[in-house]
Amino acid sequence: MATQLEQTKAPQLVISWEALPDDFQLEDEPVENTGQPLLTGALRESLEISGFIQPQMLIASNFGLCATVNGQFVIKAPDWVYVPRVNQALCDRKSYTPNLEGDVPQVVMEFLSDTDGQEYSVKRTYPPGKWFFYEQILQVPIYVIFDPNDGLLEFYQLENGRYELKQPDENGRHWIDAMNLFLGTWQGTKEARTGYWLRWWDGAGNLLPWAVEMIEIERQRAEIERQQKERLITFLRSQGIDPNDLPTD
């Protein structure tokens, strides 16, 4: 019986972190629909506006994450990835090998599409599936799968070497310790796309705004100030005071 069990045991994986050869040709994985760049851009935009992004971080989309498994290079391109610290900030980086070049990614995201469901693939033979790669090879702490069509957000956290599906809090959000932020869904319109979006909230529950929202907030603030000024002028005149004669000091 012991011999039979030994025979059915999955082969051991030998994982190493090696630099890609200079002449290594990365595959160009096309964006599967026009909505994906908008979704990933929106995620980054609010982080930039809030001052979250620092030079040592790596935040990218459709970007090659690399590992060497049993002597063969394996490269997967998640739709969005967050790495807290890289050893060297490069403006033209095309790929990233964890441990060799910096931290292991703390968050990877995949947006569901009409392909073969590779986001859930646990295939361990070469080339391994995305789920297996993130969970067993890179061991990324948080794996997010998002369906932009119906707004379904699946939030998986690595526990005892396996991804466990986590339920959102009472506000429908998930806390990410590594980023000190909440992640959740939001429904509305941005850049002519109406539908579901992934959004960030800070620890106090404040939504991190996009640029267009910041502009609207400033417009509303200016309008409130204008109305307050008009009410003050009206009151002063009702008291027989010319607002233009008030001291400037």
Protein backbone atom coordinates (compact mmCIF):
# COMPACT_ATOMS: atom_id res chain seq x y z
CA MET A 1 0.00 0.00 0.00
CA ALA A 2 2.81 2.41 0.87
CA THR A 3 4.42 1.69 -2.48
CA GLN A 4 1.16 2.41 -4.32
CA LEU A 5 0.74 5.72 -2.49
CA GLU A 6 4.29 6.64 -3.32
CA GLN A 7 3.67 5.94 -6.99
CA THR A 8 0.62 8.22 -7.16
CA LYS A 9 2.26 11.09 -5.34
CA ALA A 10 2.66 14.22 -7.48
CA PRO A 11 6.23 14.91 -8.59
CA GLN A 12 8.18 17.41 -6.53
CA LEU A 13 8.46 20.91 -7.94
CA VAL A 14 11.86 22.55 -7.95
CA ILE A 15 11.35 26.31 -7.89
CA SER A 16 14.10 28.87 -8.36
CA TRP A 17 14.30 32.58 -9.09
CA GLU A 18 16.52 33.26 -12.06
CA ALA A 19 16.89 36.27 -14.32
CA LEU A 20 15.50 35.94 -17.82
CA PRO A 21 18.17 35.86 -20.53
CA ASP A 22 18.61 39.20 -22.29
CA ASP A 23 17.39 37.68 -25.55
CA PHE A 24 14.33 35.99 -24.00
CA GLN A 25 11.22 36.77 -26.04
CA LEU A 26 8.21 37.59 -23.89
CA GLU A 27 4.89 36.63 -25.41
CA ASP A 28 2.57 39.52 -26.18
CA GLU A 29 -0.74 38.69 -24.49
CA PRO A 30 -3.40 40.89 -26.08
CA VAL A 31 -5.93 42.70 -23.94
CA GLU A 32 -9.12 40.67 -24.26
CA ASN A 33 -11.57 43.58 -24.30
CA THR A 34 -11.55 47.36 -24.27
CA GLY A 35 -12.83 47.52 -20.68
CA GLN A 36 -9.76 45.97 -19.06
CA PRO A 37 -7.40 48.94 -19.57
CA LEU A 38 -10.07 51.22 -18.10
CA LEU A 39 -10.49 48.98 -15.04
CA THR A 40 -6.78 48.71 -14.35
CA GLY A 41 -6.18 52.39 -15.06
CA ALA A 42 -8.92 53.38 -12.62
CA LEU A 43 -7.36 51.25 -9.88
CA ARG A 44 -4.01 52.97 -10.30
CA GLU A 45 -5.42 56.48 -10.76
CA SER A 46 -7.07 56.69 -7.34
CA LEU A 47 -3.93 55.32 -5.69
CA GLU A 48 -1.83 58.01 -7.38
CA ILE A 49 -4.19 60.82 -6.41
CA SER A 50 -4.26 59.67 -2.79
CA GLY A 51 -0.45 59.65 -2.60
CA PHE A 52 -0.30 55.90 -1.98
CA ILE A 53 2.17 55.00 -4.72
CA GLN A 54 5.85 55.20 -3.78
CA PRO A 55 8.94 54.86 -6.02
CA GLN A 56 9.90 51.47 -4.58
CA MET A 57 6.52 49.93 -5.45
CA LEU A 58 5.60 48.02 -8.57
CA ILE A 59 2.00 48.36 -9.72
CA ALA A 60 1.34 47.09 -13.23
CA SER A 61 -1.14 45.36 -15.51
CA ASN A 62 -0.67 42.59 -18.09
CA PHE A 63 2.88 42.35 -16.82
CA GLY A 64 5.08 39.24 -16.77
CA LEU A 65 5.67 37.57 -13.39
CA CYS A 66 8.46 35.03 -13.68
CA ALA A 67 9.70 31.89 -11.95
CA THR A 68 11.78 28.90 -12.95
CA VAL A 69 10.02 25.59 -12.32
CA ASN A 70 11.90 22.34 -12.86
CA GLY A 71 14.39 24.19 -15.03
CA GLN A 72 11.80 25.87 -17.25
CA PHE A 73 10.82 29.53 -17.24
CA VAL A 74 7.19 30.16 -16.34
CA ILE A 75 5.68 33.57 -17.00
CA LYS A 76 2.14 34.68 -16.20
CA ALA A 77 0.66 38.12 -16.82
CA PRO A 78 -2.03 39.02 -14.28
CA ASP A 79 -4.43 41.80 -15.16
CA TRP A 80 -3.20 43.77 -12.13
CA VAL A 81 -0.38 43.24 -9.64
CA TYR A 82 0.93 45.03 -6.55
CA VAL A 83 4.49 44.56 -5.26
CA PRO A 84 5.39 46.61 -2.14
CA ARG A 85 9.12 46.87 -2.82
CA VAL A 86 11.48 46.20 -5.69
CA ASN A 87 15.24 46.36 -5.41
CA GLN A 88 15.54 48.75 -8.34
CA ALA A 89 12.90 51.01 -9.86
CA LEU A 90 12.96 50.72 -13.65
CA CYS A 91 10.79 52.83 -15.94
CA ASP A 92 10.96 50.31 -18.80
CA ARG A 93 10.62 47.07 -16.85
CA LYS A 94 9.05 44.30 -18.96
CA SER A 95 9.03 41.46 -16.43
CA TYR A 96 9.62 40.79 -12.76
CA THR A 97 11.12 37.84 -10.90
CA PRO A 98 10.09 37.79 -7.21
CA ASN A 99 12.76 37.16 -4.55
CA LEU A 100 15.47 37.89 -7.12
CA GLU A 101 14.33 41.45 -7.86
CA GLY A 102 12.36 42.29 -4.74
CA ASP A 103 9.29 41.27 -2.76
CA VAL A 104 6.76 38.64 -3.69
CA PRO A 105 3.60 40.29 -5.06
CA GLN A 106 1.05 40.82 -2.31
CA VAL A 107 -1.99 41.11 -4.58
CA VAL A 108 -2.76 39.77 -8.05
CA MET A 109 -6.03 40.32 -9.88
CA GLU A 110 -7.64 38.65 -12.84
CA PHE A 111 -10.70 39.92 -14.69
CA LEU A 112 -12.98 37.20 -16.02
CA SER A 113 -13.35 36.99 -19.76
CA ASP A 114 -14.86 34.70 -22.35
CA THR A 115 -11.78 32.48 -22.55
CA ASP A 116 -11.31 29.01 -21.09
CA GLY A 117 -11.40 29.99 -17.42
CA GLN A 118 -7.63 29.90 -16.98
CA GLU A 119 -8.03 32.11 -13.88
CA TYR A 120 -9.15 28.98 -12.02
CA SER A 121 -6.68 26.54 -13.58
CA VAL A 122 -4.84 24.35 -11.04
CA LYS A 123 -2.87 22.55 -13.74
CA ARG A 124 0.58 21.80 -12.32
CA THR A 125 2.27 20.35 -15.41
CA TYR A 126 4.14 22.72 -17.69
CA PRO A 127 2.93 25.33 -18.30
CA PRO A 128 1.05 25.49 -14.97
CA GLY A 129 -2.34 27.15 -14.61
CA LYS A 130 -2.65 30.65 -13.23
CA TRP A 131 -4.30 29.61 -9.97
CA PHE A 132 -1.58 27.02 -9.32
CA PHE A 133 1.15 29.50 -10.27
CA TYR A 134 -0.06 32.22 -7.90
CA GLU A 135 -0.93 29.86 -5.05
CA GLN A 136 1.79 27.21 -5.09
CA ILE A 137 4.73 28.76 -6.93
CA LEU A 138 4.66 32.49 -6.15
CA GLN A 139 2.50 32.06 -3.03
CA VAL A 140 0.83 35.44 -3.47
CA PRO A 141 -1.13 36.23 -0.26
CA ILE A 142 -4.22 37.66 -2.00
CA TYR A 143 -5.77 36.58 -5.29
CA VAL A 144 -8.73 38.56 -6.63
CA ILE A 145 -10.98 37.37 -9.45
CA PHE A 146 -13.44 39.98 -10.71
CA ASP A 147 -16.26 39.67 -13.22
CA PRO A 148 -16.88 43.16 -14.66
CA ASN A 149 -20.13 42.05 -16.27
CA ASP A 150 -22.04 41.21 -13.09
CA GLY A 151 -19.79 42.80 -10.46
CA LEU A 152 -18.92 39.50 -8.75
CA LEU A 153 -15.76 39.91 -6.67
CA GLU A 154 -14.03 36.75 -5.43
CA PHE A 155 -11.40 37.48 -2.78
CA TYR A 156 -9.04 34.61 -1.96
CA GLN A 157 -6.50 34.68 0.84
CA LEU A 158 -3.59 32.27 1.21
CA GLU A 159 -4.01 30.19 4.37
CA ASN A 160 -1.91 27.12 5.13
CA GLY A 161 -0.70 27.06 1.56
CA ARG A 162 -4.17 27.17 -0.03
CA TYR A 163 -6.45 29.93 -1.26
CA GLU A 164 -9.56 30.34 0.88
CA LEU A 165 -12.55 32.35 -0.31
CA LYS A 166 -13.27 35.25 2.06
CA GLN A 167 -16.59 36.96 2.65
CA PRO A 168 -16.77 40.77 2.51
CA ASP A 169 -17.56 42.95 5.53
CA GLU A 170 -20.92 44.59 6.16
CA ASN A 171 -20.10 47.21 3.51
CA GLY A 172 -19.25 44.62 0.89
CA ARG A 173 -15.51 45.31 1.08
CA HIS A 174 -12.32 43.37 1.81
CA TRP A 175 -9.45 44.65 3.93
CA ILE A 176 -5.92 44.29 2.52
CA ASP A 177 -3.33 44.55 5.29
CA ALA A 178 -0.41 44.94 2.90
CA MET A 179 -1.98 48.08 1.41
CA ASN A 180 -3.87 49.35 4.46
CA LEU A 181 -6.89 49.75 2.20
CA PHE A 182 -10.28 48.22 1.52
CA LEU A 183 -11.14 46.80 -1.90
CA GLY A 184 -14.73 46.62 -3.11
CA THR A 185 -17.04 47.12 -6.06
CA TRP A 186 -18.73 50.29 -7.26
CA GLN A 187 -21.32 50.80 -9.98
CA GLY A 188 -21.35 53.85 -12.18
CA THR A 189 -19.86 55.60 -15.20
CA LYS A 190 -16.30 56.59 -15.99
CA GLU A 191 -14.72 57.32 -19.38
CA ALA A 192 -17.97 56.39 -21.18
CA ARG A 193 -17.99 52.95 -19.55
CA THR A 194 -21.05 52.26 -17.39
CA GLY A 195 -20.92 49.20 -15.20
CA TYR A 196 -19.06 47.68 -12.26
CA TRP A 197 -15.64 48.87 -11.13
CA LEU A 198 -13.14 47.91 -8.45
CA ARG A 199 -12.52 50.78 -6.01
CA TRP A 200 -10.34 51.53 -2.98
CA TRP A 201 -11.46 52.85 0.41
CA ASP A 202 -9.17 53.98 3.23
CA GLY A 203 -9.29 52.61 6.77
CA ALA A 204 -11.92 55.18 7.77
CA GLY A 205 -14.20 54.08 4.95
CA ASN A 206 -13.52 57.07 2.65
CA LEU A 207 -13.62 56.32 -1.06
CA LEU A 208 -10.37 57.16 -2.84
CA PRO A 209 -11.52 59.48 -5.64
CA TRP A 210 -10.72 59.58 -9.32
CA ALA A 211 -9.54 62.81 -10.97
CA VAL A 212 -12.98 63.57 -12.39
CA GLU A 213 -14.46 63.19 -8.92
CA MET A 214 -11.83 65.49 -7.44
CA ILE A 215 -12.77 68.12 -10.02
CA GLU A 216 -16.44 67.78 -9.09
CA ILE A 217 -15.63 68.02 -5.37
CA GLU A 218 -13.67 71.23 -6.01
CA ARG A 219 -16.51 72.63 -8.14
CA GLN A 220 -19.02 71.94 -5.39
CA ARG A 221 -16.73 73.51 -2.78
CA ALA A 222 -16.34 76.64 -4.91
CA GLU A 223 -20.11 76.82 -5.42
CA ILE A 224 -20.74 76.57 -1.67
CA GLU A 225 -18.23 79.36 -1.03
CA ARG A 226 -19.91 81.53 -3.69
CA GLN A 227 -23.35 81.00 -2.16
CA GLN A 228 -22.04 81.77 1.33
CA LYS A 229 -20.44 84.98 0.06
CA GLU A 230 -23.68 86.04 -1.64
CA ARG A 231 -25.69 85.43 1.52
CA LEU A 232 -23.21 87.48 3.54
CA ILE A 233 -23.39 90.35 1.05
CA THR A 234 -27.19 90.26 1.13
CA PHE A 235 -27.19 90.31 4.94
CA LEU A 236 -24.75 93.24 5.14
CA ARG A 237 -26.81 95.30 2.71
CA SER A 238 -29.96 94.52 4.71
CA GLN A 239 -28.17 96.10 7.69
CA GLY A 240 -27.30 99.22 5.70
CA ILE A 241 -23.66 98.20 5.28
CA ASP A 242 -21.91 98.50 1.93
CA PRO A 243 -19.75 95.35 1.55
CA ASN A 244 -17.29 97.38 -0.53
CA ASP A 245 -16.60 99.69 2.44
CA LEU A 246 -15.49 96.89 4.78
CA PRO A 247 -11.85 97.10 6.03
CA THR A 248 -9.47 94.76 4.23
CA ASP A 249 -7.17 94.11 7.22
